[in-house]
Structures are given as structure tokens and as C-alpha cells.
């Protein structure tokens, strides 16, 4: 039974760290990003762990993990939680194309999510979620799924994901972009 909870436990831990680290006074993953992350994570849980997660949720969430995922965006306005701002997400310097935890963990620009939502999905969060899920289940990221659960400890996966993400961003997002150009 412990092995059944191994991957979901890691997923919940990573999600929890993401949520705890997502408070920022100026930039953040945004309400929509947190909702999407929780919806997708909950859908990917196997039946047993999904049942455990649902039982851990308060009654007002009605079994929906995403109902609790906006709290980082709510508490970021509270003075006592402003200390978490520097822990948010990853910001790599121009032309680095590499990730180094001690230097790059800073903030994530919420405009990435909001711009994609507006320009490609007519502000429909459900459509964006559907596309992300398709990429995970039978699309662009399908072949990577098994490697996402191969981590030695609870900290190894976030570092691995961050390294992979910046490599993909450099390969596909920043290829041919000159310093000072605005990406559109």
C-alpha cells in the first residue's frame, strides 16, 4: 500500500511546496495557474490516493482540491506572509539556458498564464486545462510521464523539472531571440 501512495505523496508534496512558495507582492503564478495545477493534479491521482485527498479536504471544498488552491493569491496581501516572496518560482538570467537552485528561484511572471488564457483560450480556463491534460495524457509530454516519477527524494523532482523546463524554454521559446527583444 505504501507504494500506491509514493507517487501521489510526492505530487502532493511538490504541489504543497509550490503553493507555499507562490506568494509574491508583484508577480505570481496567478489564481488561474493555481486552479489549473490543482485540477490536473487531482485528475492524475489513482483511485486510492484520490479518495484519501478528497477525505482530507474540508466540507466546503466539496471534494474539489482546486477550491483551496487560490489561498496563496489571497494571503499574499497579508503582512505576515510577505516573507515567502523570494521563494516563489524560477527566473533564469538571459542566455543562461541552465538552472541553478541557489541563483534562480525567485518569481514566476503571472502574465504568461493570463496572456495565454486571453489570447489562445478566450479566457476559458477549462479549455486551457483540457489542452494541458491532452499534452500530458496522449500528447507532447506523454513519453515523459514515467520519468516524472523517478526521483530519489522529495527535493530531486522539483530540481529535475526546473532543469528540464529551462532547457525546453531555451530550445523552443528563446531560439533565435536577441537580447532586448520582446517575445510575443
N, C-alpha and C. Protein backbone atom coordinates (compact mmCIF):
# COMPACT_ATOMS: atom_id res chain seq x y z
N UNK A 1 0.82 -1.20 0.00
CA UNK A 1 0.00 0.00 0.00
C UNK A 1 0.86 1.26 0.00
N UNK A 2 2.03 1.19 0.64
CA UNK A 2 2.91 2.36 0.67
C UNK A 2 3.33 2.77 -0.73
N UNK A 3 3.56 1.78 -1.61
CA UNK A 3 3.97 2.12 -2.98
C UNK A 3 2.86 2.81 -3.75
N UNK A 4 1.62 2.53 -3.42
CA UNK A 4 0.50 3.19 -4.11
C UNK A 4 0.46 4.68 -3.80
N UNK A 5 0.96 5.04 -2.61
CA UNK A 5 0.92 6.45 -2.21
C UNK A 5 2.24 7.16 -2.51
N UNK A 6 3.22 6.43 -3.00
CA UNK A 6 4.53 7.01 -3.22
C UNK A 6 4.48 8.17 -4.21
N UNK A 7 3.99 7.93 -5.39
CA UNK A 7 3.94 8.98 -6.41
C UNK A 7 2.96 10.09 -6.03
N UNK A 8 1.74 9.76 -5.60
CA UNK A 8 0.81 10.83 -5.21
C UNK A 8 1.33 11.63 -4.02
N UNK A 9 2.02 10.97 -3.09
CA UNK A 9 2.58 11.70 -1.95
C UNK A 9 3.59 12.72 -2.44
N UNK A 10 4.42 12.29 -3.38
CA UNK A 10 5.38 13.23 -3.96
C UNK A 10 4.65 14.36 -4.67
N UNK A 11 3.62 14.00 -5.42
CA UNK A 11 2.85 15.01 -6.15
C UNK A 11 2.24 16.01 -5.17
N UNK A 12 1.66 15.52 -4.09
CA UNK A 12 1.06 16.40 -3.09
C UNK A 12 2.14 17.26 -2.43
N UNK A 13 3.29 16.66 -2.13
CA UNK A 13 4.38 17.42 -1.52
C UNK A 13 4.85 18.53 -2.46
N UNK A 14 5.10 18.17 -3.72
CA UNK A 14 5.55 19.17 -4.69
C UNK A 14 4.51 20.26 -4.84
N UNK A 15 3.24 19.86 -4.92
CA UNK A 15 2.16 20.84 -5.03
C UNK A 15 2.16 21.75 -3.80
N UNK A 16 2.30 21.14 -2.62
CA UNK A 16 2.32 21.93 -1.39
C UNK A 16 3.46 22.93 -1.36
N UNK A 17 4.64 22.49 -1.79
CA UNK A 17 5.79 23.40 -1.85
C UNK A 17 5.51 24.52 -2.83
N UNK A 18 4.94 24.16 -3.99
CA UNK A 18 4.62 25.19 -4.99
C UNK A 18 3.65 26.21 -4.41
N UNK A 19 2.65 25.73 -3.72
CA UNK A 19 1.65 26.64 -3.15
C UNK A 19 2.29 27.50 -2.07
N UNK A 20 3.07 26.88 -1.18
CA UNK A 20 3.70 27.65 -0.12
C UNK A 20 4.68 28.69 -0.65
N UNK A 21 5.31 28.38 -1.77
CA UNK A 21 6.32 29.28 -2.32
C UNK A 21 5.75 30.26 -3.32
N UNK A 22 4.47 30.29 -3.49
CA UNK A 22 3.92 31.08 -4.59
C UNK A 22 3.43 32.47 -4.19
N UNK A 23 3.73 32.91 -3.01
CA UNK A 23 3.27 34.22 -2.59
C UNK A 23 4.28 35.27 -3.04
N UNK A 24 3.80 36.29 -3.72
CA UNK A 24 4.67 37.36 -4.20
C UNK A 24 3.87 38.65 -4.25
N UNK A 25 4.44 39.77 -3.81
CA UNK A 25 3.67 41.01 -3.80
C UNK A 25 3.41 41.58 -5.19
N UNK A 26 4.23 41.25 -6.20
CA UNK A 26 4.06 41.84 -7.51
C UNK A 26 3.73 40.80 -8.57
N UNK A 27 4.50 39.74 -8.64
CA UNK A 27 4.31 38.71 -9.64
C UNK A 27 3.96 37.40 -8.96
N UNK A 28 3.12 36.60 -9.58
CA UNK A 28 2.83 35.28 -9.04
C UNK A 28 2.27 34.39 -10.12
N UNK A 29 2.13 33.16 -9.80
CA UNK A 29 1.61 32.14 -10.72
C UNK A 29 0.19 32.48 -11.11
N UNK A 30 -0.50 33.18 -10.32
CA UNK A 30 -1.85 33.68 -10.50
C UNK A 30 -2.89 32.67 -10.05
N UNK A 31 -4.05 33.20 -9.76
CA UNK A 31 -5.18 32.38 -9.31
C UNK A 31 -5.45 31.27 -10.32
N UNK A 32 -5.46 31.62 -11.60
CA UNK A 32 -5.77 30.65 -12.64
C UNK A 32 -4.72 29.54 -12.71
N UNK A 33 -3.46 29.89 -12.54
CA UNK A 33 -2.40 28.89 -12.55
C UNK A 33 -2.52 27.91 -11.40
N UNK A 34 -2.88 28.42 -10.22
CA UNK A 34 -3.06 27.55 -9.07
C UNK A 34 -4.26 26.62 -9.26
N UNK A 35 -5.34 27.15 -9.79
CA UNK A 35 -6.53 26.32 -10.03
C UNK A 35 -6.21 25.22 -11.03
N UNK A 36 -5.54 25.57 -12.13
CA UNK A 36 -5.18 24.57 -13.14
C UNK A 36 -4.29 23.48 -12.55
N UNK A 37 -3.29 23.88 -11.78
CA UNK A 37 -2.37 22.91 -11.18
C UNK A 37 -3.13 21.92 -10.32
N UNK A 38 -4.03 22.41 -9.49
CA UNK A 38 -4.79 21.53 -8.60
C UNK A 38 -5.76 20.63 -9.36
N UNK A 39 -6.44 21.18 -10.34
CA UNK A 39 -7.38 20.36 -11.12
C UNK A 39 -6.66 19.21 -11.81
N UNK A 40 -5.55 19.53 -12.45
CA UNK A 40 -4.81 18.50 -13.19
C UNK A 40 -4.21 17.48 -12.23
N UNK A 41 -3.62 17.95 -11.13
CA UNK A 41 -3.02 17.04 -10.15
C UNK A 41 -4.08 16.09 -9.60
N UNK A 42 -5.25 16.60 -9.27
CA UNK A 42 -6.30 15.76 -8.71
C UNK A 42 -6.78 14.73 -9.72
N UNK A 43 -6.90 15.11 -10.98
CA UNK A 43 -7.33 14.16 -12.01
C UNK A 43 -6.32 13.06 -12.25
N UNK A 44 -5.04 13.34 -12.02
CA UNK A 44 -3.99 12.36 -12.28
C UNK A 44 -3.78 11.37 -11.13
N UNK A 45 -4.41 11.61 -10.00
CA UNK A 45 -4.28 10.68 -8.87
C UNK A 45 -5.00 9.37 -9.17
N UNK A 46 -4.42 8.27 -8.71
CA UNK A 46 -5.08 6.98 -8.82
C UNK A 46 -6.23 6.96 -7.80
N UNK A 47 -7.13 5.99 -7.94
CA UNK A 47 -8.35 5.94 -7.14
C UNK A 47 -8.10 6.00 -5.62
N UNK A 48 -7.18 5.18 -5.12
CA UNK A 48 -6.91 5.15 -3.68
C UNK A 48 -6.43 6.48 -3.14
N UNK A 49 -5.35 7.01 -3.68
CA UNK A 49 -4.86 8.31 -3.21
C UNK A 49 -5.87 9.44 -3.45
N UNK A 50 -6.63 9.36 -4.53
CA UNK A 50 -7.65 10.39 -4.80
C UNK A 50 -8.69 10.40 -3.68
N UNK A 51 -9.07 9.21 -3.22
CA UNK A 51 -10.04 9.10 -2.13
C UNK A 51 -9.48 9.71 -0.84
N UNK A 52 -8.20 9.43 -0.57
CA UNK A 52 -7.56 9.99 0.62
C UNK A 52 -7.54 11.52 0.55
N UNK A 53 -7.16 12.07 -0.61
CA UNK A 53 -7.12 13.52 -0.77
C UNK A 53 -8.51 14.12 -0.56
N UNK A 54 -9.52 13.52 -1.17
CA UNK A 54 -10.89 14.03 -1.01
C UNK A 54 -11.32 14.02 0.45
N UNK A 55 -10.92 12.99 1.19
CA UNK A 55 -11.29 12.92 2.61
C UNK A 55 -10.54 13.94 3.46
N UNK A 56 -9.39 14.40 2.98
CA UNK A 56 -8.63 15.42 3.71
C UNK A 56 -9.17 16.83 3.48
N UNK A 57 -9.92 16.99 2.42
CA UNK A 57 -10.45 18.32 2.09
C UNK A 57 -11.59 18.71 3.04
N UNK A 58 -11.70 19.99 3.36
CA UNK A 58 -12.83 20.43 4.19
C UNK A 58 -14.15 20.29 3.42
N UNK A 59 -15.24 20.22 4.14
CA UNK A 59 -16.55 20.03 3.52
C UNK A 59 -16.88 21.09 2.47
N UNK A 60 -16.51 22.34 2.74
CA UNK A 60 -16.87 23.40 1.81
C UNK A 60 -16.18 23.26 0.45
N UNK A 61 -15.10 22.45 0.36
CA UNK A 61 -14.42 22.24 -0.92
C UNK A 61 -15.20 21.26 -1.81
N UNK A 62 -16.11 20.51 -1.21
CA UNK A 62 -16.95 19.56 -1.95
C UNK A 62 -16.13 18.61 -2.83
N UNK A 63 -15.01 18.12 -2.28
CA UNK A 63 -14.18 17.16 -2.99
C UNK A 63 -13.29 17.75 -4.08
N UNK A 64 -13.29 19.06 -4.22
CA UNK A 64 -12.53 19.72 -5.29
C UNK A 64 -11.29 20.41 -4.72
N UNK A 65 -10.13 19.81 -4.97
CA UNK A 65 -8.87 20.36 -4.47
C UNK A 65 -8.63 21.79 -4.95
N UNK A 66 -9.06 22.10 -6.17
CA UNK A 66 -8.80 23.44 -6.71
C UNK A 66 -9.52 24.54 -5.94
N UNK A 67 -10.53 24.17 -5.16
CA UNK A 67 -11.24 25.16 -4.35
C UNK A 67 -10.33 25.76 -3.28
N UNK A 68 -9.27 25.04 -2.93
CA UNK A 68 -8.34 25.53 -1.91
C UNK A 68 -7.07 26.13 -2.48
N UNK A 69 -6.92 26.10 -3.77
CA UNK A 69 -5.64 26.46 -4.37
C UNK A 69 -5.40 27.94 -4.58
N UNK A 70 -6.37 28.75 -4.33
CA UNK A 70 -6.17 30.19 -4.53
C UNK A 70 -5.67 30.88 -3.27
N UNK A 71 -5.53 30.15 -2.19
CA UNK A 71 -5.11 30.80 -0.95
C UNK A 71 -3.77 31.52 -1.07
N UNK A 72 -2.79 31.05 -1.88
CA UNK A 72 -1.55 31.83 -1.98
C UNK A 72 -1.81 33.23 -2.55
N UNK A 73 -2.77 33.33 -3.45
CA UNK A 73 -3.09 34.63 -4.03
C UNK A 73 -3.87 35.50 -3.05
N UNK A 74 -4.53 34.87 -2.11
CA UNK A 74 -5.28 35.62 -1.10
C UNK A 74 -4.37 36.09 0.03
N UNK A 75 -3.51 35.20 0.51
CA UNK A 75 -2.68 35.58 1.67
C UNK A 75 -1.49 36.44 1.30
N UNK A 76 -1.17 36.56 0.01
CA UNK A 76 -0.02 37.39 -0.36
C UNK A 76 -0.21 38.84 0.06
N UNK A 77 -1.44 39.22 0.34
CA UNK A 77 -1.74 40.58 0.78
C UNK A 77 -1.61 40.73 2.30
N UNK A 78 -1.40 39.62 2.98
CA UNK A 78 -1.28 39.65 4.43
C UNK A 78 0.18 39.90 4.80
N UNK A 79 0.41 40.82 5.67
CA UNK A 79 1.77 41.22 6.03
C UNK A 79 2.61 40.04 6.52
N UNK A 80 2.05 39.20 7.37
CA UNK A 80 2.87 38.15 7.97
C UNK A 80 3.35 37.09 6.98
N UNK A 81 2.81 37.05 5.75
CA UNK A 81 3.25 36.06 4.76
C UNK A 81 4.12 36.66 3.65
N UNK A 82 4.47 37.92 3.75
CA UNK A 82 5.29 38.55 2.71
C UNK A 82 6.70 37.96 2.67
N UNK A 83 7.15 37.33 3.73
CA UNK A 83 8.48 36.74 3.78
C UNK A 83 8.65 35.63 2.75
N UNK A 84 7.57 35.06 2.26
CA UNK A 84 7.67 33.96 1.30
C UNK A 84 7.92 34.42 -0.13
N UNK A 85 7.85 35.70 -0.38
CA UNK A 85 8.01 36.22 -1.75
C UNK A 85 9.26 35.72 -2.46
N UNK A 86 10.44 35.74 -1.85
CA UNK A 86 11.63 35.31 -2.57
C UNK A 86 11.65 33.82 -2.91
N UNK A 87 10.77 33.05 -2.33
CA UNK A 87 10.78 31.60 -2.56
C UNK A 87 9.99 31.17 -3.78
N UNK A 88 9.33 32.09 -4.44
CA UNK A 88 8.31 31.73 -5.42
C UNK A 88 8.76 30.74 -6.49
N UNK A 89 8.98 31.15 -7.70
CA UNK A 89 9.34 30.20 -8.75
C UNK A 89 10.70 30.52 -9.32
N UNK A 90 10.96 30.11 -10.52
CA UNK A 90 12.29 30.18 -11.09
C UNK A 90 12.39 31.28 -12.13
N UNK A 91 13.43 32.06 -12.04
CA UNK A 91 13.69 33.12 -13.00
C UNK A 91 15.16 33.00 -13.40
N UNK A 92 15.43 32.53 -14.61
CA UNK A 92 16.82 32.37 -15.03
C UNK A 92 17.28 33.59 -15.81
N UNK A 93 18.55 33.93 -15.71
CA UNK A 93 19.05 35.09 -16.44
C UNK A 93 19.07 34.85 -17.95
N UNK A 94 19.02 35.93 -18.72
CA UNK A 94 19.09 35.82 -20.18
C UNK A 94 20.33 35.04 -20.59
N UNK A 95 20.20 34.24 -21.60
CA UNK A 95 21.28 33.46 -22.21
C UNK A 95 21.85 32.38 -21.29
N UNK A 96 21.29 32.15 -20.11
CA UNK A 96 21.85 31.14 -19.21
C UNK A 96 21.52 29.73 -19.70
N UNK A 97 20.27 29.50 -20.05
CA UNK A 97 19.81 28.18 -20.50
C UNK A 97 20.23 27.07 -19.54
N UNK A 98 20.30 27.40 -18.27
CA UNK A 98 20.58 26.40 -17.25
C UNK A 98 19.88 26.85 -15.97
N UNK A 99 19.73 25.90 -15.08
CA UNK A 99 19.03 26.17 -13.83
C UNK A 99 19.97 25.87 -12.68
N UNK A 100 20.07 26.79 -11.75
CA UNK A 100 20.85 26.59 -10.55
C UNK A 100 20.00 27.09 -9.38
N UNK A 101 19.56 26.16 -8.55
CA UNK A 101 18.60 26.48 -7.49
C UNK A 101 18.99 27.72 -6.69
N UNK A 102 20.23 27.78 -6.22
CA UNK A 102 20.62 28.88 -5.34
C UNK A 102 20.56 30.24 -6.02
N UNK A 103 20.62 30.27 -7.35
CA UNK A 103 20.60 31.55 -8.07
C UNK A 103 19.27 31.87 -8.73
N UNK A 104 18.49 30.86 -9.08
CA UNK A 104 17.35 31.08 -9.96
C UNK A 104 15.97 31.04 -9.33
N UNK A 105 15.82 30.59 -8.10
CA UNK A 105 14.49 30.52 -7.51
C UNK A 105 14.08 31.91 -7.06
N UNK A 106 13.16 32.51 -7.80
CA UNK A 106 12.70 33.86 -7.49
C UNK A 106 11.20 33.97 -7.72
N UNK A 107 10.80 34.48 -8.86
CA UNK A 107 9.37 34.67 -9.12
C UNK A 107 8.99 34.14 -10.49
N UNK A 108 7.71 33.90 -10.67
CA UNK A 108 7.16 33.48 -11.95
C UNK A 108 6.24 34.59 -12.42
N UNK A 109 6.33 34.95 -13.68
CA UNK A 109 5.52 36.04 -14.22
C UNK A 109 4.11 35.55 -14.51
N UNK A 110 3.15 36.02 -13.75
CA UNK A 110 1.77 35.58 -13.90
C UNK A 110 1.20 35.94 -15.26
N UNK A 111 1.81 36.89 -15.94
CA UNK A 111 1.30 37.31 -17.25
C UNK A 111 1.38 36.19 -18.28
N UNK A 112 2.29 35.23 -18.09
CA UNK A 112 2.38 34.10 -19.02
C UNK A 112 1.06 33.36 -19.06
N UNK A 113 0.53 33.03 -17.89
CA UNK A 113 -0.75 32.31 -17.82
C UNK A 113 -1.89 33.18 -18.32
N UNK A 114 -1.96 34.41 -17.83
CA UNK A 114 -3.08 35.27 -18.19
C UNK A 114 -3.09 35.63 -19.67
N UNK A 115 -1.92 35.84 -20.27
CA UNK A 115 -1.86 36.15 -21.69
C UNK A 115 -2.29 34.95 -22.52
N UNK A 116 -1.79 33.77 -22.19
CA UNK A 116 -2.20 32.56 -22.92
C UNK A 116 -3.70 32.34 -22.78
N UNK A 117 -4.22 32.54 -21.59
CA UNK A 117 -5.65 32.36 -21.34
C UNK A 117 -6.47 33.31 -22.21
N UNK A 118 -6.05 34.55 -22.31
CA UNK A 118 -6.77 35.56 -23.08
C UNK A 118 -6.63 35.34 -24.58
N UNK A 119 -5.40 35.16 -25.05
CA UNK A 119 -5.14 35.14 -26.49
C UNK A 119 -5.44 33.82 -27.18
N UNK A 120 -5.32 32.71 -26.46
CA UNK A 120 -5.50 31.41 -27.10
C UNK A 120 -6.75 30.66 -26.65
N UNK A 121 -7.33 31.05 -25.52
CA UNK A 121 -8.45 30.29 -24.97
C UNK A 121 -9.66 31.15 -24.66
N UNK A 122 -9.70 32.36 -25.17
CA UNK A 122 -10.84 33.26 -24.98
C UNK A 122 -11.24 33.34 -23.51
N UNK A 123 -10.23 33.38 -22.64
CA UNK A 123 -10.41 33.48 -21.19
C UNK A 123 -11.15 32.29 -20.58
N UNK A 124 -11.14 31.15 -21.25
CA UNK A 124 -11.82 29.95 -20.77
C UNK A 124 -10.80 29.02 -20.11
N UNK A 125 -10.76 29.04 -18.78
CA UNK A 125 -9.81 28.24 -18.02
C UNK A 125 -9.99 26.75 -18.29
N UNK A 126 -11.22 26.31 -18.50
CA UNK A 126 -11.47 24.89 -18.76
C UNK A 126 -10.82 24.44 -20.06
N UNK A 127 -10.82 25.28 -21.09
CA UNK A 127 -10.18 24.93 -22.36
C UNK A 127 -8.66 24.82 -22.20
N UNK A 128 -8.06 25.74 -21.46
CA UNK A 128 -6.63 25.68 -21.21
C UNK A 128 -6.29 24.40 -20.46
N UNK A 129 -7.07 24.08 -19.44
CA UNK A 129 -6.85 22.86 -18.68
C UNK A 129 -6.95 21.64 -19.59
N UNK A 130 -7.94 21.60 -20.45
CA UNK A 130 -8.14 20.48 -21.37
C UNK A 130 -6.91 20.28 -22.27
N UNK A 131 -6.37 21.36 -22.79
CA UNK A 131 -5.17 21.27 -23.63
C UNK A 131 -3.97 20.76 -22.84
N UNK A 132 -3.79 21.27 -21.63
CA UNK A 132 -2.67 20.81 -20.81
C UNK A 132 -2.80 19.32 -20.52
N UNK A 133 -4.00 18.87 -20.19
CA UNK A 133 -4.22 17.45 -19.91
C UNK A 133 -3.97 16.59 -21.15
N UNK A 134 -4.38 17.06 -22.31
CA UNK A 134 -4.13 16.31 -23.55
C UNK A 134 -2.63 16.15 -23.78
N UNK A 135 -1.86 17.19 -23.50
CA UNK A 135 -0.41 17.10 -23.68
C UNK A 135 0.21 16.10 -22.72
N UNK A 136 -0.38 15.94 -21.55
CA UNK A 136 0.15 15.00 -20.57
C UNK A 136 -0.29 13.58 -20.89
N UNK A 137 -1.56 13.38 -21.20
CA UNK A 137 -2.09 12.02 -21.37
C UNK A 137 -1.79 11.38 -22.71
N UNK A 138 -1.86 12.13 -23.80
CA UNK A 138 -1.57 11.50 -25.09
C UNK A 138 -0.95 12.46 -26.09
N UNK A 139 -0.30 13.47 -25.60
CA UNK A 139 0.27 14.47 -26.50
C UNK A 139 1.75 14.66 -26.29
N UNK A 140 2.14 15.89 -26.36
CA UNK A 140 3.53 16.32 -26.34
C UNK A 140 4.35 15.72 -25.19
N UNK A 141 3.78 15.61 -24.00
CA UNK A 141 4.54 15.17 -22.83
C UNK A 141 4.31 13.71 -22.47
N UNK A 142 3.53 12.98 -23.25
CA UNK A 142 3.16 11.61 -22.91
C UNK A 142 4.37 10.71 -22.67
N UNK A 143 5.37 10.79 -23.53
CA UNK A 143 6.55 9.93 -23.40
C UNK A 143 7.39 10.25 -22.17
N UNK A 144 7.18 11.40 -21.57
CA UNK A 144 7.97 11.80 -20.41
C UNK A 144 7.35 11.36 -19.08
N UNK A 145 6.11 10.88 -19.09
CA UNK A 145 5.40 10.59 -17.85
C UNK A 145 6.16 9.69 -16.90
N UNK A 146 6.70 8.58 -17.39
CA UNK A 146 7.36 7.64 -16.49
C UNK A 146 8.57 8.28 -15.81
N UNK A 147 9.28 9.14 -16.50
CA UNK A 147 10.46 9.77 -15.90
C UNK A 147 10.08 10.78 -14.81
N UNK A 148 8.86 11.26 -14.82
CA UNK A 148 8.44 12.25 -13.83
C UNK A 148 8.30 11.67 -12.43
N UNK A 149 8.21 10.37 -12.32
CA UNK A 149 8.04 9.75 -11.01
C UNK A 149 9.33 9.11 -10.51
N UNK A 150 10.40 9.21 -11.27
CA UNK A 150 11.67 8.59 -10.90
C UNK A 150 12.56 9.59 -10.18
N UNK A 151 12.31 9.75 -8.90
CA UNK A 151 13.10 10.68 -8.10
C UNK A 151 13.58 9.98 -6.84
N UNK A 152 14.80 10.29 -6.44
CA UNK A 152 15.37 9.65 -5.26
C UNK A 152 14.77 10.16 -3.96
N UNK A 153 14.42 11.44 -3.94
CA UNK A 153 13.87 12.03 -2.73
C UNK A 153 12.89 13.14 -3.11
N UNK A 154 12.28 13.75 -2.13
CA UNK A 154 11.23 14.73 -2.39
C UNK A 154 11.74 16.04 -2.99
N UNK A 155 13.03 16.31 -2.89
CA UNK A 155 13.58 17.53 -3.46
C UNK A 155 14.11 17.30 -4.87
N UNK A 156 14.46 16.06 -5.21
CA UNK A 156 15.06 15.77 -6.51
C UNK A 156 14.14 16.11 -7.68
N UNK A 157 12.86 15.80 -7.58
CA UNK A 157 11.94 16.05 -8.70
C UNK A 157 11.80 17.53 -9.04
N UNK A 158 11.57 18.41 -8.09
CA UNK A 158 11.46 19.83 -8.47
C UNK A 158 12.72 20.34 -9.15
N UNK A 159 13.90 19.92 -8.69
CA UNK A 159 15.15 20.34 -9.34
C UNK A 159 15.22 19.79 -10.76
N UNK A 160 14.83 18.53 -10.91
CA UNK A 160 14.85 17.89 -12.23
C UNK A 160 13.88 18.62 -13.17
N UNK A 161 12.67 18.89 -12.69
CA UNK A 161 11.67 19.56 -13.52
C UNK A 161 12.13 20.97 -13.91
N UNK A 162 12.75 21.66 -12.98
CA UNK A 162 13.22 23.02 -13.26
C UNK A 162 14.31 22.99 -14.33
N UNK A 163 15.23 22.05 -14.21
CA UNK A 163 16.30 21.94 -15.21
C UNK A 163 15.73 21.62 -16.58
N UNK A 164 14.80 20.67 -16.64
CA UNK A 164 14.18 20.31 -17.92
C UNK A 164 13.41 21.48 -18.50
N UNK A 165 12.70 22.20 -17.65
CA UNK A 165 11.88 23.32 -18.12
C UNK A 165 12.71 24.41 -18.76
N UNK A 166 13.82 24.78 -18.12
CA UNK A 166 14.63 25.85 -18.69
C UNK A 166 15.30 25.40 -19.98
N UNK A 167 15.68 24.12 -20.06
CA UNK A 167 16.27 23.61 -21.31
C UNK A 167 15.25 23.67 -22.44
N UNK A 168 14.00 23.28 -22.16
CA UNK A 168 12.95 23.34 -23.18
C UNK A 168 12.63 24.78 -23.57
N UNK A 169 12.60 25.67 -22.58
CA UNK A 169 12.33 27.09 -22.88
C UNK A 169 13.41 27.65 -23.79
N UNK A 170 14.66 27.32 -23.50
CA UNK A 170 15.75 27.82 -24.34
C UNK A 170 15.70 27.21 -25.74
N UNK A 171 15.38 25.93 -25.81
CA UNK A 171 15.35 25.25 -27.11
C UNK A 171 14.20 25.72 -27.99
N UNK A 172 13.00 25.85 -27.40
CA UNK A 172 11.82 26.16 -28.20
C UNK A 172 11.30 27.59 -28.05
N UNK A 173 11.47 28.18 -26.89
CA UNK A 173 10.91 29.50 -26.66
C UNK A 173 11.83 30.65 -26.98
N UNK A 174 13.12 30.46 -26.73
CA UNK A 174 14.06 31.56 -26.88
C UNK A 174 14.98 31.41 -28.09
N UNK A 175 14.82 30.34 -28.85
CA UNK A 175 15.68 30.10 -30.00
C UNK A 175 15.57 31.26 -31.00
N UNK A 176 16.70 31.85 -31.34
CA UNK A 176 16.73 32.94 -32.31
C UNK A 176 16.35 34.30 -31.76
N UNK A 177 16.06 34.38 -30.47
CA UNK A 177 15.67 35.66 -29.86
C UNK A 177 16.93 36.41 -29.45
N UNK A 178 16.98 37.67 -29.81
CA UNK A 178 18.13 38.51 -29.46
C UNK A 178 17.84 39.26 -28.16
N UNK A 179 18.90 39.60 -27.46
CA UNK A 179 18.79 40.32 -26.20
C UNK A 179 18.00 41.61 -26.39
N UNK A 180 17.04 41.84 -25.51
CA UNK A 180 16.23 43.05 -25.56
C UNK A 180 14.95 42.92 -26.36
N UNK A 181 14.79 41.82 -27.12
CA UNK A 181 13.56 41.62 -27.90
C UNK A 181 12.42 41.23 -26.98
N UNK A 182 11.22 41.61 -27.37
CA UNK A 182 10.03 41.23 -26.62
C UNK A 182 9.42 40.02 -27.29
N UNK A 183 9.18 38.97 -26.51
CA UNK A 183 8.54 37.77 -27.05
C UNK A 183 7.06 38.02 -27.20
N UNK A 184 6.49 37.54 -28.28
CA UNK A 184 5.05 37.72 -28.47
C UNK A 184 4.38 36.41 -28.77
